[in-house]
Amino acid sequence: MNGAQLLVKALETEGVRHIFGYPGVSICPFFDALNDSKIDPVLMRSEQSCGHAANGYARIAGKPGVCAVSSGPGATNLITAIATAFADSVPLICITGQVPLEQIGSDMFQEADIIGAVESFVKYSYSVRCAKDIPRIVKEAFYIANTGRKGPVLLDLPIDVQNMEGGFFQEIESVSLRTYKPTIKGHAVQIKKALKALENAQRPILCVGGGVIASKAEKEIITFAEKYHIPVVSTMMGIGVIPSKHPLSMGMVGNNGKKYANKAMNESDVLLMVGARAADRAISQPDLVMKDKTLIHIDIDPAEIGKNLGPSIPIVGDAKNVFIELNKASLKCDFSDWCETLKKYSKTREENLQSTAKFVNPNHLVSTICKTMKDDGIYVSDVGQNQIYSCTNYVSKKGRFITSCGMGTMGYSLPAAIGASFADPKKQIICAVGDGGLQMSLSELVHISLLKANIKIVLMDNRSLGMIREYQHYHYENRYSMVDLKEYPDYSLIAKAYGIPFIRLKKDSEVEEGLKEALKTDGPCFIEANIDADAFTVG
């Protein structure tokens, strides 16, 4: 086998079923080898979309997504998607072609030092120099990407290495890396300290982040919360860990979170934070949040513990394993008074669902989507105002909510929804997006048309870059600059061009019936909602 064939065989051995890619000369040997494989290559329409699609696939499939692009601009176009996955701890295997070994460093046509360029956005990078090393490298790459704090791994393959003879394929049975030994189990002494702190607590709060979903620890978390009646708040990445209607669920915290959820976290005396980075979107004022409380911080990445909040009790380990141990304990505690207090807080929630005759209220729109969509459906949100409307009004049941949180990458939702559809074709998928984000990945509509995928695009069309317009409203006294998207394109014609059914919602009175019509059948649909450009997320 040559290097390209060895790479395909190694990917098959890892159970890879789909590769999201865009060809170029330097990656052609690999794509040629795929012709003799059962792996399905998915031709995206841009390299960035390849990475986002692999991201959506990984988050729904629960295993690394794979993307492959060419060298030079193909590789550099992928960087944003790599950074997006890194920020949200999503496991990716990113394969890039490269110029021949002897030409590296000579400024050859379409040469780029992609390993140097992505150094701060990957868990690890491999510059593959010998074809016979490929099976071992692929095995290691999947292990690194999908263990510890998950994230992207880059494989850079010169074209001559892909064509190089590498011998017969020999499967690598196991991986042991001397310098990479992630801690999976929490330290027993630290777990005992955490249990003692909870036993002495009066107002505990459990704050869950994306690490809980990554470790598939939802069941263990809910069991623990129910066992001791501990209220639960979530970060944006933690949406869906606990159903929204669960009596212990207090909603999302942070700048765009629920006021009562933030109040509950601020007033707690023990904050048990699990799989969350405590970054600024969730905790904008660390000193205020940490006043007069004990922080128990559980995370698989030791670098995150103490980075933004100084923990009283740090526990390094996988959330699932840690909570299996925590659930073995039997604490003497009663938080019923605290729970009653928080119930009163939650009753003060303010709903911003006022109807208007001229536009669709985006909060009402998302609320109605959640009432209408299937309980196990997948909701994929883009970035901007649509993300804020989505995460503050989304009602989690048995499905998933995914978005670009850490990096906040516009144009993420459509390719991510397509990747999610490949991971689970039977699921109903809602792709909520603004007109700015949609126009960044508009060409990917072709996949929804070709696949007849069960993806419902919900476009919140306010004819502007709404989040920046809102920022300029509050901070620049309505001196708007570079935010007007005008009246084009005509999305009904765009949908027609791709053969996708189209529904336009002009006002609130049309929302419920329009969404029922759009969501009642399998297959794609494009729903355009007319949103007021002055419908701000704040105030």
Protein backbone atom coordinates (compact mmCIF):
# COMPACT_ATOMS: atom_id res chain seq x y z
CA MET A 1 0.00 0.00 0.00
CA ASN A 2 1.05 3.57 -0.54
CA GLY A 3 0.61 6.28 2.07
CA ALA A 4 -2.83 7.35 0.87
CA GLN A 5 -4.12 3.78 0.93
CA LEU A 6 -2.67 3.23 4.38
CA LEU A 7 -4.41 6.40 5.58
CA VAL A 8 -7.78 5.24 4.22
CA LYS A 9 -7.35 1.80 5.79
CA ALA A 10 -6.41 3.35 9.13
CA LEU A 11 -9.50 5.57 9.03
CA GLU A 12 -11.69 2.56 8.20
CA THR A 13 -10.22 0.76 11.18
CA GLU A 14 -11.27 3.70 13.39
CA GLY A 15 -14.84 3.33 12.18
CA VAL A 16 -14.91 6.46 10.02
CA ARG A 17 -18.00 6.55 7.80
CA HIS A 18 -17.91 10.10 6.39
CA ILE A 19 -15.18 12.57 5.48
CA PHE A 20 -16.07 16.19 4.78
CA GLY A 21 -13.64 17.52 2.24
CA TYR A 22 -12.60 19.79 -0.59
CA PRO A 23 -10.02 18.55 -3.11
CA GLY A 24 -6.82 20.04 -4.44
CA VAL A 25 -3.76 18.58 -6.14
CA SER A 26 -1.81 17.97 -2.93
CA ILE A 27 -4.59 15.87 -1.38
CA CYS A 28 -5.64 14.04 -4.58
CA PRO A 29 -3.83 10.75 -3.79
CA PHE A 30 -5.92 10.45 -0.62
CA PHE A 31 -9.20 11.22 -2.35
CA ASP A 32 -8.30 8.77 -5.13
CA ALA A 33 -7.76 6.04 -2.52
CA LEU A 34 -11.21 6.78 -1.09
CA ASN A 35 -12.72 5.52 -4.36
CA ASP A 36 -11.91 1.97 -3.21
CA SER A 37 -13.30 2.49 0.26
CA LYS A 38 -16.71 2.32 1.93
CA ILE A 39 -16.03 5.72 3.50
CA ASP A 40 -18.40 8.34 2.09
CA PRO A 41 -16.57 11.52 0.98
CA VAL A 42 -18.83 14.58 1.28
CA LEU A 43 -17.86 17.43 -1.05
CA MET A 44 -18.52 20.65 0.83
CA ARG A 45 -18.41 24.01 -0.91
CA SER A 46 -15.67 25.61 1.20
CA GLU A 47 -12.88 24.36 3.44
CA GLN A 48 -14.24 26.18 6.48
CA SER A 49 -17.54 24.35 6.03
CA CYS A 50 -15.63 21.04 5.94
CA GLY A 51 -14.46 21.69 9.50
CA HIS A 52 -17.86 22.92 10.73
CA ALA A 53 -19.61 19.89 9.22
CA ALA A 54 -17.11 17.57 10.93
CA ASN A 55 -17.79 19.53 14.13
CA GLY A 56 -21.56 19.00 13.92
CA TYR A 57 -21.00 15.34 13.10
CA ALA A 58 -18.68 14.83 16.09
CA ARG A 59 -21.06 16.45 18.56
CA ILE A 60 -23.98 14.25 17.55
CA ALA A 61 -22.09 11.01 16.77
CA GLY A 62 -20.01 11.22 19.96
CA LYS A 63 -16.76 10.46 18.14
CA PRO A 64 -14.22 12.47 16.13
CA GLY A 65 -15.37 14.07 12.90
CA VAL A 66 -12.95 13.93 9.98
CA CYS A 67 -12.26 16.60 7.36
CA ALA A 68 -9.70 16.73 4.56
CA VAL A 69 -8.51 19.66 2.44
CA SER A 70 -5.64 20.65 0.21
CA SER A 71 -2.50 22.63 1.00
CA GLY A 72 -1.97 26.40 0.99
CA PRO A 73 -5.27 28.31 0.89
CA GLY A 74 -7.20 25.08 1.38
CA ALA A 75 -5.45 24.51 4.68
CA THR A 76 -5.53 28.13 5.82
CA ASN A 77 -9.26 28.34 5.04
CA LEU A 78 -9.74 25.50 7.52
CA ILE A 79 -8.12 27.37 10.42
CA THR A 80 -11.30 29.10 11.60
CA ALA A 81 -13.10 25.77 11.85
CA ILE A 82 -10.16 24.26 13.74
CA ALA A 83 -10.18 27.18 16.19
CA THR A 84 -13.95 26.83 16.59
CA ALA A 85 -13.62 23.15 17.50
CA PHE A 86 -10.73 23.82 19.86
CA ALA A 87 -12.66 26.51 21.76
CA ASP A 88 -15.61 24.15 22.30
CA SER A 89 -13.53 20.99 22.94
CA VAL A 90 -14.87 19.12 19.90
CA PRO A 91 -12.77 16.16 18.63
CA LEU A 92 -11.72 16.52 14.99
CA ILE A 93 -9.18 14.81 12.76
CA CYS A 94 -8.08 17.48 10.26
CA ILE A 95 -6.16 16.14 7.26
CA THR A 96 -4.28 18.58 5.03
CA GLY A 97 -2.31 17.97 1.89
CA GLN A 98 1.16 19.48 1.60
CA VAL A 99 3.78 20.15 -1.06
CA PRO A 100 6.50 17.47 -1.57
CA LEU A 101 8.94 16.98 1.30
CA GLU A 102 11.95 18.33 -0.57
CA GLN A 103 10.01 21.49 -1.53
CA ILE A 104 8.88 22.41 1.99
CA GLY A 105 10.33 25.78 2.89
CA SER A 106 10.94 26.87 -0.70
CA ASP A 107 7.77 28.97 -1.04
CA MET A 108 6.42 26.52 -3.59
CA PHE A 109 2.99 27.12 -5.16
CA GLN A 110 0.25 26.59 -2.54
CA GLU A 111 2.68 25.92 0.28
CA ALA A 112 1.73 27.06 3.77
CA ASP A 113 3.14 26.20 7.17
CA ILE A 114 -0.19 24.98 8.46
CA ILE A 115 1.35 23.28 11.50
CA GLY A 116 2.88 26.58 12.62
CA ALA A 117 -0.31 28.46 11.80
CA VAL A 118 -2.60 26.28 13.96
CA GLU A 119 -0.22 25.67 16.85
CA SER A 120 -2.45 27.47 19.37
CA PHE A 121 -5.68 25.85 18.08
CA VAL A 122 -4.92 22.12 18.15
CA LYS A 123 -4.25 19.48 20.77
CA TYR A 124 -1.45 18.12 18.60
CA SER A 125 -0.10 18.23 15.03
CA TYR A 126 1.67 15.59 12.95
CA SER A 127 3.92 16.37 10.01
CA VAL A 128 3.89 12.96 8.31
CA ARG A 129 7.27 12.20 6.77
CA CYS A 130 7.10 8.44 6.18
CA ALA A 131 4.22 6.39 4.80
CA LYS A 132 4.83 3.40 7.06
CA ASP A 133 4.21 5.62 10.13
CA ILE A 134 0.64 6.46 9.05
CA PRO A 135 -1.24 3.63 10.85
CA ARG A 136 0.46 4.52 14.15
CA ILE A 137 -0.09 8.26 13.65
CA VAL A 138 -3.79 7.83 12.86
CA LYS A 139 -4.28 5.63 15.92
CA GLU A 140 -2.55 8.19 18.12
CA ALA A 141 -4.45 11.09 16.55
CA PHE A 142 -7.85 9.55 17.32
CA TYR A 143 -6.73 8.73 20.85
CA ILE A 144 -5.50 12.27 21.51
CA ALA A 145 -8.53 13.94 19.92
CA ASN A 146 -11.09 11.89 21.84
CA THR A 147 -9.53 11.56 25.31
CA GLY A 148 -8.86 14.04 28.09
CA ARG A 149 -10.19 17.42 27.07
CA LYS A 150 -11.29 16.64 23.53
CA GLY A 151 -10.19 18.72 20.57
CA PRO A 152 -8.78 18.85 17.03
CA VAL A 153 -5.65 17.03 15.85
CA LEU A 154 -3.94 17.94 12.56
CA LEU A 155 -2.32 15.52 10.12
CA ASP A 156 -0.25 17.28 7.43
CA LEU A 157 0.67 14.93 4.58
CA PRO A 158 3.04 15.91 1.74
CA ILE A 159 1.85 14.59 -1.61
CA ASP A 160 4.94 12.44 -2.08
CA VAL A 161 4.33 10.77 1.31
CA GLN A 162 0.80 9.93 0.14
CA ASN A 163 2.31 8.27 -2.96
CA MET A 164 5.18 6.65 -1.03
CA GLU A 165 5.23 2.87 -0.65
CA GLY A 166 4.50 1.97 2.96
CA GLY A 167 4.20 -1.81 3.03
CA PHE A 168 1.25 -3.81 4.31
CA PHE A 169 -1.26 -2.37 6.76
CA GLN A 170 -0.84 -3.62 10.32
CA GLU A 171 -3.49 -2.57 12.81
CA ILE A 172 -2.21 -0.82 15.93
CA GLU A 173 -3.87 -2.47 18.93
CA SER A 174 -3.26 0.19 21.59
CA VAL A 175 -1.73 3.58 22.25
CA SER A 176 0.66 4.53 25.01
CA LEU A 177 2.13 8.02 24.86
CA ARG A 178 4.70 8.80 27.54
CA THR A 179 3.97 12.52 27.55
CA TYR A 180 0.17 12.27 27.30
CA LYS A 181 -1.55 10.66 30.27
CA PRO A 182 -4.89 12.42 30.93
CA THR A 183 -6.32 12.02 34.40
CA ILE A 184 -9.67 10.24 34.17
CA LYS A 185 -10.54 9.40 37.77
CA GLY A 186 -10.87 12.11 40.39
CA HIS A 187 -8.59 11.97 43.41
CA ALA A 188 -10.33 10.18 46.29
CA VAL A 189 -9.19 12.71 48.90
CA GLN A 190 -10.51 15.64 46.84
CA ILE A 191 -13.84 13.87 46.31
CA LYS A 192 -14.15 13.40 50.09
CA LYS A 193 -13.45 17.11 50.61
CA ALA A 194 -16.15 17.99 48.09
CA LEU A 195 -18.68 15.76 49.82
CA LYS A 196 -17.80 17.31 53.18
CA ALA A 197 -18.29 20.82 51.77
CA LEU A 198 -21.70 19.85 50.38
CA GLU A 199 -22.71 18.29 53.67
CA ASN A 200 -21.95 21.60 55.43
CA ALA A 201 -23.64 23.70 52.74
CA GLN A 202 -26.97 25.47 53.00
CA ARG A 203 -27.30 26.91 49.49
CA PRO A 204 -25.46 24.71 46.94
CA ILE A 205 -25.67 25.18 43.18
CA LEU A 206 -24.55 22.74 40.51
CA CYS A 207 -23.26 24.53 37.37
CA VAL A 208 -22.85 22.25 34.34
CA GLY A 209 -20.91 22.97 31.17
CA GLY A 210 -20.11 21.32 27.86
CA GLY A 211 -17.69 18.90 29.51
CA VAL A 212 -20.67 17.06 30.99
CA ILE A 213 -22.06 16.39 27.51
CA ALA A 214 -18.61 15.49 26.16
CA SER A 215 -18.18 12.85 28.87
CA LYS A 216 -21.80 11.64 28.51
CA ALA A 217 -22.37 12.27 32.21
CA GLU A 218 -25.91 13.69 32.01
CA LYS A 219 -27.50 10.71 33.76
CA GLU A 220 -24.99 10.75 36.63
CA ILE A 221 -25.38 14.53 37.10
CA ILE A 222 -29.19 14.36 37.23
CA THR A 223 -29.05 11.38 39.62
CA PHE A 224 -26.79 13.34 41.96
CA ALA A 225 -28.92 16.50 41.78
CA GLU A 226 -32.12 14.57 42.45
CA LYS A 227 -30.58 12.55 45.26
CA TYR A 228 -29.75 15.67 47.29
CA HIS A 229 -32.17 18.19 45.74
CA ILE A 230 -29.41 20.45 44.44
CA PRO A 231 -30.57 23.09 41.90
CA VAL A 232 -28.81 23.09 38.53
CA VAL A 233 -27.74 25.98 36.28
CA SER A 234 -25.88 25.64 33.00
CA THR A 235 -23.48 27.52 30.79
CA MET A 236 -24.39 27.94 27.12
CA MET A 237 -22.37 24.82 26.28
CA GLY A 238 -24.20 22.94 29.04
CA ILE A 239 -27.70 23.55 27.65
CA GLY A 240 -29.48 20.21 27.45
CA VAL A 241 -27.70 18.46 30.32
CA ILE A 242 -30.92 18.68 32.32
CA PRO A 243 -34.39 19.12 30.75
CA SER A 244 -35.69 22.68 30.98
CA LYS A 245 -38.90 21.59 32.71
CA HIS A 246 -37.10 19.59 35.39
CA PRO A 247 -37.98 21.03 38.83
CA LEU A 248 -34.28 21.45 39.68
CA SER A 249 -33.40 23.25 36.43
CA MET A 250 -32.75 26.97 36.86
CA GLY A 251 -31.67 27.74 33.29
CA MET A 252 -28.60 29.33 31.75
CA VAL A 253 -26.25 31.68 33.59
CA GLY A 254 -24.04 34.41 32.18
CA ASN A 255 -24.30 37.69 30.31
CA ASN A 256 -27.25 36.41 28.30
CA GLY A 257 -28.60 34.01 30.90
CA LYS A 258 -31.65 34.09 33.12
CA LYS A 259 -31.60 36.76 35.82
CA TYR A 260 -32.89 34.35 38.42
CA ALA A 261 -30.25 31.76 37.44
CA ASN A 262 -27.47 34.32 37.92
CA LYS A 263 -29.03 35.39 41.22
CA ALA A 264 -29.16 31.78 42.40
CA MET A 265 -25.48 31.23 41.55
CA ASN A 266 -24.44 34.50 43.18
CA GLU A 267 -26.27 33.69 46.41
CA SER A 268 -25.04 30.10 46.71
CA ASP A 269 -22.56 29.17 49.43
CA VAL A 270 -21.16 26.13 47.57
CA LEU A 271 -20.74 26.26 43.80
CA LEU A 272 -20.09 22.87 42.23
CA MET A 273 -18.85 23.65 38.71
CA VAL A 274 -18.53 20.69 36.34
CA GLY A 275 -17.00 20.66 32.86
CA ALA A 276 -17.10 24.45 32.52
CA ARG A 277 -14.25 26.87 31.91
CA ALA A 278 -15.75 29.71 33.95
CA ALA A 279 -15.06 32.02 31.00
CA ASP A 280 -16.49 35.52 30.62
CA ARG A 281 -19.73 34.54 28.84
CA ALA A 282 -20.77 32.48 31.88
CA ILE A 283 -19.07 34.45 34.66
CA SER A 284 -18.34 38.07 33.78
CA GLN A 285 -17.56 39.16 37.36
CA PRO A 286 -15.56 36.37 39.05
CA ASP A 287 -14.93 38.33 42.26
CA LEU A 288 -18.65 38.95 42.76
CA VAL A 289 -19.61 35.36 42.01
CA MET A 290 -16.97 33.91 44.34
CA LYS A 291 -17.74 36.16 47.31
CA ASP A 292 -18.47 34.15 50.48
CA LYS A 293 -18.62 30.76 48.82
CA THR A 294 -16.73 27.52 48.34
CA LEU A 295 -15.95 26.51 44.76
CA ILE A 296 -15.67 22.85 43.85
CA HIS A 297 -14.33 22.79 40.30
CA ILE A 298 -14.41 19.47 38.41
CA ASP A 299 -12.73 19.40 35.00
CA ILE A 300 -10.71 16.93 32.97
CA ASP A 301 -8.31 19.70 31.92
CA PRO A 302 -6.13 20.76 34.88
CA ALA A 303 -5.22 23.97 33.03
CA GLU A 304 -8.82 25.20 33.33
CA ILE A 305 -8.99 24.79 37.09
CA GLY A 306 -7.97 28.05 38.71
CA LYS A 307 -7.50 29.88 35.41
CA ASN A 308 -10.52 32.16 35.80
CA LEU A 309 -11.79 31.24 39.28
CA GLY A 310 -9.64 30.13 42.18
CA PRO A 311 -11.15 26.83 43.39
CA SER A 312 -11.37 25.91 47.03
CA ILE A 313 -11.55 22.22 46.08
CA PRO A 314 -10.14 21.25 42.66
CA ILE A 315 -10.95 17.83 41.20
CA VAL A 316 -9.22 16.80 37.99
CA GLY A 317 -11.04 14.00 36.22
CA ASP A 318 -13.72 12.93 33.77
CA ALA A 319 -17.14 14.17 34.90
CA LYS A 320 -18.80 10.79 34.43
CA ASN A 321 -16.22 8.95 36.52
CA VAL A 322 -16.19 11.61 39.24
CA PHE A 323 -19.97 11.57 39.62
CA ILE A 324 -20.10 7.79 39.67
CA GLU A 325 -17.93 8.08 42.79
CA LEU A 326 -19.93 10.98 44.22
CA ASN A 327 -23.17 9.03 43.79
CA LYS A 328 -21.80 6.21 45.94
CA ALA A 329 -21.79 8.49 48.97
CA SER A 330 -24.64 9.10 51.37
CA LEU A 331 -24.80 12.67 52.69
CA LYS A 332 -26.86 14.03 55.53
CA CYS A 333 -28.20 17.27 54.08
CA ASP A 334 -31.46 19.10 53.52
CA PHE A 335 -31.72 21.88 50.96
CA SER A 336 -35.52 22.13 50.82
CA ASP A 337 -35.60 25.75 52.10
CA TRP A 338 -33.05 26.77 49.47
CA CYS A 339 -35.05 25.06 46.73
CA GLU A 340 -38.21 26.87 47.84
CA THR A 341 -36.39 30.20 47.70
CA LEU A 342 -35.22 29.50 44.15
CA LYS A 343 -38.72 28.51 43.08
CA LYS A 344 -39.83 32.00 44.08
CA TYR A 345 -36.97 33.50 42.07
CA SER A 346 -37.89 31.51 38.98
CA LYS A 347 -41.50 32.70 39.17
CA THR A 348 -40.24 36.23 38.56
CA ARG A 349 -39.02 35.28 35.08
CA GLU A 350 -39.79 37.90 32.46
CA GLU A 351 -41.09 36.73 29.12
CA ASN A 352 -40.42 38.98 26.15
CA LEU A 353 -43.06 37.55 23.85
CA GLN A 354 -45.08 40.66 23.03
CA SER A 355 -46.62 40.42 19.60
CA THR A 356 -46.47 43.11 16.94
CA ALA A 357 -48.54 43.47 13.81
CA LYS A 358 -45.58 44.22 11.51
CA PHE A 359 -42.87 41.74 12.52
CA VAL A 360 -42.18 38.35 14.06
CA ASN A 361 -41.02 38.48 17.67
CA PRO A 362 -37.84 36.33 17.65
CA ASN A 363 -38.39 35.21 21.25
CA HIS A 364 -41.91 34.04 20.34
CA LEU A 365 -40.49 32.38 17.23
CA VAL A 366 -37.95 30.26 19.14
CA SER A 367 -40.48 29.46 21.86
CA THR A 368 -42.94 28.23 19.21
CA ILE A 369 -40.24 26.20 17.44
CA CYS A 370 -39.50 24.38 20.69
CA LYS A 371 -43.19 23.65 21.23
CA THR A 372 -43.56 22.35 17.68
CA MET A 373 -40.34 20.44 16.99
CA LYS A 374 -39.87 16.80 17.93
CA ASP A 375 -38.76 16.15 21.51
CA ASP A 376 -35.56 14.43 20.36
CA GLY A 377 -34.80 16.97 17.63
CA ILE A 378 -31.45 18.73 17.23
CA TYR A 379 -31.37 22.52 17.45
CA VAL A 380 -28.32 24.11 15.79
CA SER A 381 -27.87 27.82 16.41
CA ASP A 382 -25.63 30.23 14.57
CA VAL A 383 -23.95 33.25 16.19
CA GLY A 384 -25.30 36.74 16.81
CA GLN A 385 -28.70 37.83 18.01
CA ASN A 386 -30.20 34.56 16.78
CA GLN A 387 -27.92 32.71 19.22
CA ILE A 388 -29.12 34.83 22.15
CA TYR A 389 -32.79 34.42 21.18
CA SER A 390 -32.17 30.68 20.80
CA CYS A 391 -30.31 29.91 24.01
CA THR A 392 -32.60 32.04 26.19
CA ASN A 393 -35.83 30.57 24.81
CA TYR A 394 -34.78 27.03 23.91
CA VAL A 395 -36.61 24.33 25.86
CA SER A 396 -34.51 21.19 26.19
CA LYS A 397 -36.33 17.86 26.26
CA LYS A 398 -34.64 14.77 24.86
CA GLY A 399 -32.75 16.46 22.04
CA ARG A 400 -29.53 18.43 21.63
CA PHE A 401 -28.63 22.11 21.41
CA ILE A 402 -25.36 22.90 19.63
CA THR A 403 -23.74 26.19 18.72
CA SER A 404 -20.35 27.85 18.41
CA CYS A 405 -19.94 29.20 21.93
CA GLY A 406 -16.25 29.71 22.73
CA MET A 407 -15.18 31.21 19.40
CA GLY A 408 -18.57 32.59 18.30
CA THR A 409 -18.10 31.74 14.62
CA MET A 410 -20.71 33.09 12.21
CA GLY A 411 -21.65 30.76 9.37
CA TYR A 412 -21.29 27.73 11.67
CA SER A 413 -24.88 26.51 11.86
CA LEU A 414 -25.68 25.39 8.31
CA PRO A 415 -22.60 23.15 7.73
CA ALA A 416 -22.82 21.93 11.35
CA ALA A 417 -26.47 20.98 10.80
CA ILE A 418 -25.44 19.07 7.68
CA GLY A 419 -22.76 17.23 9.65
CA ALA A 420 -25.30 16.44 12.37
CA SER A 421 -27.64 15.06 9.71
CA PHE A 422 -24.95 12.64 8.52
CA ALA A 423 -24.42 11.54 12.13
CA ASP A 424 -28.13 10.83 12.66
CA PRO A 425 -30.19 11.07 9.43
CA LYS A 426 -33.44 10.18 11.21
CA LYS A 427 -33.39 13.17 13.55
CA GLN A 428 -35.28 16.39 12.86
CA ILE A 429 -32.80 19.26 12.75
CA ILE A 430 -33.54 22.94 13.23
CA CYS A 431 -30.91 25.32 11.82
CA ALA A 432 -31.52 28.75 13.38
CA VAL A 433 -29.50 31.46 11.67
CA GLY A 434 -29.37 35.18 10.92
CA ASP A 435 -29.07 36.60 7.44
CA GLY A 436 -25.42 37.57 8.06
CA GLY A 437 -24.40 34.08 9.14
CA LEU A 438 -26.42 32.35 6.43
CA GLN A 439 -24.77 34.35 3.66
CA MET A 440 -21.37 33.14 4.90
CA SER A 441 -22.25 29.51 4.09
CA LEU A 442 -25.18 29.85 1.70
CA SER A 443 -23.63 27.53 -0.89
CA GLU A 444 -23.95 24.57 1.50
CA LEU A 445 -27.71 24.52 0.82
CA VAL A 446 -26.87 22.12 -1.99
CA HIS A 447 -26.42 19.26 0.50
CA ILE A 448 -29.86 19.77 2.00
CA SER A 449 -31.30 19.61 -1.49
CA LEU A 450 -29.29 16.59 -2.64
CA LEU A 451 -29.83 14.61 0.56
CA LYS A 452 -33.46 15.67 1.05
CA ALA A 453 -32.22 16.04 4.64
CA ASN A 454 -34.70 16.61 7.45
CA ILE A 455 -33.21 20.06 8.13
CA LYS A 456 -35.48 23.04 8.70
CA ILE A 457 -33.66 26.33 8.16
CA VAL A 458 -35.18 29.09 10.28
CA LEU A 459 -33.82 32.39 9.02
CA MET A 460 -34.24 35.34 11.38
CA ASP A 461 -34.09 37.99 8.70
CA ASN A 462 -33.62 41.53 10.00
CA ARG A 463 -31.64 42.70 6.96
CA SER A 464 -28.66 43.66 9.12
CA LEU A 465 -25.77 42.40 11.16
CA GLY A 466 -28.04 42.54 14.19
CA MET A 467 -25.62 41.92 17.06
CA ILE A 468 -23.20 44.60 15.88
CA ARG A 469 -26.07 46.95 15.12
CA GLU A 470 -27.31 46.44 18.68
CA TYR A 471 -23.82 47.10 20.04
CA GLN A 472 -23.57 50.30 18.00
CA HIS A 473 -27.00 51.34 19.29
CA TYR A 474 -25.89 51.12 22.92
CA HIS A 475 -22.25 52.17 22.61
CA TYR A 476 -22.13 54.54 19.61
CA GLU A 477 -25.44 56.37 20.00
CA ASN A 478 -27.01 54.84 16.89
CA ARG A 479 -24.08 55.74 14.64
CA TYR A 480 -24.51 52.61 12.52
CA SER A 481 -21.60 51.52 10.37
CA MET A 482 -21.14 48.50 8.10
CA VAL A 483 -24.23 46.65 9.37
CA ASP A 484 -26.88 47.22 6.69
CA LEU A 485 -27.39 44.08 4.55
CA LYS A 486 -30.07 45.74 2.38
CA GLU A 487 -33.03 43.85 0.96
CA TYR A 488 -31.09 41.25 -1.01
CA PRO A 489 -30.99 38.39 -1.72
CA ASP A 490 -34.55 37.19 -2.23
CA TYR A 491 -34.45 34.00 -0.17
CA SER A 492 -37.56 32.58 -1.80
CA LEU A 493 -35.64 32.49 -5.08
CA ILE A 494 -32.58 31.04 -3.34
CA ALA A 495 -34.72 28.23 -1.91
CA LYS A 496 -36.34 27.67 -5.31
CA ALA A 497 -32.93 27.47 -6.96
CA TYR A 498 -32.00 24.61 -4.60
CA GLY A 499 -35.42 22.95 -4.81
CA ILE A 500 -36.23 23.51 -1.13
CA PRO A 501 -39.81 24.32 -0.01
CA PHE A 502 -40.10 27.91 1.25
CA ILE A 503 -42.34 29.58 3.84
CA ARG A 504 -42.25 33.27 4.73
CA LEU A 505 -43.51 34.41 8.14
CA LYS A 506 -44.26 38.13 8.16
CA LYS A 507 -45.86 38.56 11.59
CA ASP A 508 -46.54 36.71 14.84
CA SER A 509 -50.03 35.63 13.84
CA GLU A 510 -48.49 33.50 11.06
CA VAL A 511 -45.83 31.79 13.18
CA GLU A 512 -47.67 28.88 14.77
CA GLU A 513 -49.46 27.63 11.65
CA GLY A 514 -46.42 28.28 9.46
CA LEU A 515 -44.11 26.27 11.71
CA LYS A 516 -46.61 23.43 12.04
CA GLU A 517 -46.77 23.19 8.25
CA ALA A 518 -42.99 23.30 7.92
CA LEU A 519 -42.21 20.81 10.68
CA LYS A 520 -44.95 18.24 10.18
CA THR A 521 -43.25 16.45 7.29
CA ASP A 522 -39.81 14.92 6.83
CA GLY A 523 -37.42 16.57 4.44
CA PRO A 524 -36.02 20.08 4.10
CA CYS A 525 -37.79 23.41 4.45
CA PHE A 526 -36.63 27.02 4.39
CA ILE A 527 -38.53 29.31 6.78
CA GLU A 528 -37.86 33.04 6.58
CA ALA A 529 -39.08 35.08 9.57
CA ASN A 530 -39.37 38.84 9.16
CA ILE A 531 -37.60 40.31 12.24
CA ASP A 532 -37.51 43.97 13.27
CA ALA A 533 -33.96 45.33 13.04
CA ASP A 534 -34.66 47.18 16.30
CA ALA A 535 -35.65 44.00 18.17
CA PHE A 536 -32.66 44.01 20.50
CA THR A 537 -31.70 41.19 22.86
CA VAL A 538 -31.22 43.62 25.77
CA GLY A 539 -33.78 46.05 27.12
